[in-house]
């Protein structure tokens, strides 16, 4: 069933895992701020994660909401 729901887009930052990075090094690189990130707008963190993966083709370590608001 189609709903006419309008959802506000929010800003998110997705932290990505490069394909050539050994999985054992991911958390160390994350702690040092060495992993690539992208910013995008989405209706939810889940949708931001899916969009980040779809856009980059990379695995997503985490998604954080950025900016002010509710």
N, C-alpha and C. Protein backbone atom coordinates (compact mmCIF):
# COMPACT_ATOMS: atom_id res chain seq x y z
N UNK A 1 0.85 -1.18 0.00
CA UNK A 1 0.00 0.00 0.00
C UNK A 1 0.89 1.24 0.00
N UNK A 2 0.58 2.17 -0.83
CA UNK A 2 1.34 3.41 -0.94
C UNK A 2 0.81 4.42 0.06
N UNK A 3 1.73 5.05 0.78
CA UNK A 3 1.33 6.12 1.70
C UNK A 3 1.91 7.42 1.20
N UNK A 4 1.28 8.46 1.51
CA UNK A 4 1.68 9.79 1.09
C UNK A 4 2.49 10.49 2.18
N UNK A 5 3.30 9.73 2.88
CA UNK A 5 4.08 10.25 3.99
C UNK A 5 5.28 11.03 3.48
N UNK A 6 5.47 12.22 4.02
CA UNK A 6 6.63 13.04 3.67
C UNK A 6 7.58 13.00 4.86
N UNK A 7 8.81 12.60 4.60
CA UNK A 7 9.80 12.50 5.68
C UNK A 7 10.89 13.53 5.45
N UNK A 8 11.24 14.22 6.50
CA UNK A 8 12.29 15.23 6.44
C UNK A 8 13.65 14.54 6.27
N UNK A 9 14.44 15.08 5.36
CA UNK A 9 15.79 14.55 5.17
C UNK A 9 16.72 15.18 6.19
N UNK A 10 17.61 14.37 6.72
CA UNK A 10 18.58 14.84 7.70
C UNK A 10 19.98 14.53 7.17
N UNK A 11 20.96 15.22 7.73
CA UNK A 11 22.34 15.03 7.30
C UNK A 11 23.01 13.92 8.12
N UNK A 12 23.75 13.08 7.43
CA UNK A 12 24.46 11.97 8.05
C UNK A 12 25.89 11.91 7.51
N UNK A 13 26.79 11.37 8.32
CA UNK A 13 28.16 11.10 7.89
C UNK A 13 28.35 9.60 7.99
N UNK A 14 28.72 8.99 6.88
CA UNK A 14 28.98 7.56 6.85
C UNK A 14 30.48 7.33 6.82
N UNK A 15 30.95 6.46 7.71
CA UNK A 15 32.35 6.07 7.74
C UNK A 15 32.50 4.79 6.93
N UNK A 16 33.38 4.83 5.96
CA UNK A 16 33.52 3.74 4.99
C UNK A 16 34.74 2.88 5.27
N UNK A 17 34.68 1.64 4.82
CA UNK A 17 35.80 0.71 4.97
C UNK A 17 36.37 0.44 3.57
N UNK A 18 37.59 0.93 3.32
CA UNK A 18 38.21 0.69 2.01
C UNK A 18 38.36 -0.82 1.74
N UNK A 19 38.21 -1.20 0.48
CA UNK A 19 38.29 -2.62 0.12
C UNK A 19 39.65 -3.23 0.40
N UNK A 20 40.71 -2.44 0.31
CA UNK A 20 42.05 -2.98 0.49
C UNK A 20 42.53 -2.96 1.95
N UNK A 21 41.70 -2.51 2.87
CA UNK A 21 42.08 -2.45 4.28
C UNK A 21 41.79 -3.79 4.95
N UNK A 22 42.80 -4.34 5.60
CA UNK A 22 42.64 -5.59 6.33
C UNK A 22 41.61 -5.39 7.45
N UNK A 23 40.69 -6.33 7.58
CA UNK A 23 39.62 -6.20 8.58
C UNK A 23 40.15 -6.03 10.00
N UNK A 24 41.31 -6.59 10.29
CA UNK A 24 41.88 -6.46 11.63
C UNK A 24 42.36 -5.04 11.93
N UNK A 25 42.48 -4.21 10.89
CA UNK A 25 42.96 -2.84 11.06
C UNK A 25 41.84 -1.80 11.09
N UNK A 26 40.61 -2.23 10.85
CA UNK A 26 39.49 -1.30 10.71
C UNK A 26 39.31 -0.43 11.95
N UNK A 27 39.21 -1.05 13.11
CA UNK A 27 38.92 -0.27 14.32
C UNK A 27 40.08 0.63 14.71
N UNK A 28 41.30 0.21 14.47
CA UNK A 28 42.45 1.07 14.72
C UNK A 28 42.44 2.30 13.84
N UNK A 29 42.16 2.11 12.56
CA UNK A 29 42.07 3.24 11.63
C UNK A 29 40.91 4.15 12.01
N UNK A 30 39.79 3.56 12.43
CA UNK A 30 38.63 4.36 12.82
C UNK A 30 38.97 5.22 14.03
N UNK A 31 39.63 4.64 15.02
CA UNK A 31 40.00 5.38 16.23
C UNK A 31 40.94 6.54 15.92
N UNK A 32 41.76 6.38 14.90
CA UNK A 32 42.71 7.42 14.50
C UNK A 32 42.11 8.40 13.49
N UNK A 33 40.86 8.19 13.10
CA UNK A 33 40.21 9.09 12.14
C UNK A 33 40.75 8.96 10.73
N UNK A 34 41.27 7.77 10.39
CA UNK A 34 41.91 7.57 9.09
C UNK A 34 40.99 6.94 8.04
N UNK A 35 39.76 6.63 8.39
CA UNK A 35 38.85 6.03 7.40
C UNK A 35 38.14 7.13 6.61
N UNK A 36 37.86 6.88 5.34
CA UNK A 36 37.15 7.87 4.54
C UNK A 36 35.69 8.01 5.00
N UNK A 37 35.15 9.19 4.81
CA UNK A 37 33.74 9.44 5.14
C UNK A 37 33.07 10.16 3.98
N UNK A 38 31.77 10.04 3.93
CA UNK A 38 30.98 10.86 3.02
C UNK A 38 29.81 11.42 3.81
N UNK A 39 29.32 12.57 3.38
CA UNK A 39 28.13 13.15 3.99
C UNK A 39 26.99 13.04 2.99
N UNK A 40 25.82 12.74 3.49
CA UNK A 40 24.66 12.63 2.63
C UNK A 40 23.40 12.94 3.42
N UNK A 41 22.33 13.15 2.71
CA UNK A 41 21.03 13.41 3.34
C UNK A 41 20.13 12.20 3.10
N UNK A 42 19.39 11.85 4.16
CA UNK A 42 18.50 10.70 4.07
C UNK A 42 17.41 10.86 5.13
N UNK A 43 16.37 10.06 5.00
CA UNK A 43 15.26 10.11 5.94
C UNK A 43 15.56 9.39 7.24
N UNK A 44 16.55 8.49 7.24
CA UNK A 44 16.90 7.75 8.45
C UNK A 44 18.34 7.27 8.34
N UNK A 45 18.89 6.84 9.46
CA UNK A 45 20.26 6.31 9.46
C UNK A 45 20.36 5.05 8.61
N UNK A 46 19.35 4.21 8.67
CA UNK A 46 19.35 2.99 7.85
C UNK A 46 19.39 3.31 6.36
N UNK A 47 18.62 4.30 5.97
CA UNK A 47 18.62 4.70 4.55
C UNK A 47 19.93 5.37 4.17
N UNK A 48 20.51 6.11 5.10
CA UNK A 48 21.82 6.72 4.84
C UNK A 48 22.88 5.65 4.64
N UNK A 49 22.84 4.61 5.46
CA UNK A 49 23.80 3.52 5.33
C UNK A 49 23.65 2.83 3.99
N UNK A 50 22.42 2.55 3.59
CA UNK A 50 22.18 1.90 2.30
C UNK A 50 22.64 2.79 1.14
N UNK A 51 22.36 4.08 1.24
CA UNK A 51 22.76 5.01 0.19
C UNK A 51 24.28 5.14 0.09
N UNK A 52 24.95 5.16 1.24
CA UNK A 52 26.40 5.25 1.24
C UNK A 52 27.02 4.03 0.57
N UNK A 53 26.50 2.87 0.89
CA UNK A 53 27.02 1.64 0.28
C UNK A 53 26.73 1.63 -1.22
N UNK A 54 25.51 2.00 -1.59
CA UNK A 54 25.12 2.00 -3.00
C UNK A 54 25.97 2.99 -3.80
N UNK A 55 26.22 4.15 -3.22
CA UNK A 55 26.96 5.21 -3.91
C UNK A 55 28.43 4.88 -4.08
N UNK A 56 29.04 4.31 -3.03
CA UNK A 56 30.49 4.09 -3.05
C UNK A 56 30.90 2.67 -3.37
N UNK A 57 30.01 1.71 -3.13
CA UNK A 57 30.35 0.31 -3.31
C UNK A 57 31.18 -0.24 -2.16
N UNK A 58 31.37 0.57 -1.11
CA UNK A 58 32.17 0.16 0.04
C UNK A 58 31.29 -0.25 1.22
N UNK A 59 31.86 -1.08 2.09
CA UNK A 59 31.16 -1.41 3.32
C UNK A 59 31.12 -0.17 4.21
N UNK A 60 30.08 -0.07 5.01
CA UNK A 60 29.90 1.08 5.90
C UNK A 60 30.12 0.62 7.34
N UNK A 61 31.07 1.26 8.02
CA UNK A 61 31.35 0.92 9.41
C UNK A 61 30.27 1.48 10.32
N UNK A 62 29.93 2.76 10.14
CA UNK A 62 28.91 3.38 10.97
C UNK A 62 28.36 4.61 10.28
N UNK A 63 27.20 5.05 10.76
CA UNK A 63 26.55 6.25 10.25
C UNK A 63 26.20 7.12 11.45
N UNK A 64 26.58 8.39 11.38
CA UNK A 64 26.30 9.32 12.47
C UNK A 64 25.51 10.50 11.93
N UNK A 65 24.54 10.94 12.70
CA UNK A 65 23.77 12.12 12.33
C UNK A 65 24.61 13.35 12.63
N UNK A 66 24.60 14.31 11.72
CA UNK A 66 25.36 15.54 11.90
C UNK A 66 24.41 16.73 11.82
N UNK A 67 24.85 17.83 12.37
CA UNK A 67 24.04 19.04 12.32
C UNK A 67 23.10 19.14 13.49
N UNK A 68 22.44 20.27 13.57
CA UNK A 68 21.51 20.53 14.67
C UNK A 68 20.14 19.96 14.42
N UNK A 69 19.22 20.40 15.20
CA UNK A 69 17.84 19.95 15.03
C UNK A 69 17.44 18.99 16.11
N UNK A 70 16.30 18.39 15.88
CA UNK A 70 15.70 17.50 16.87
C UNK A 70 16.45 16.24 17.11
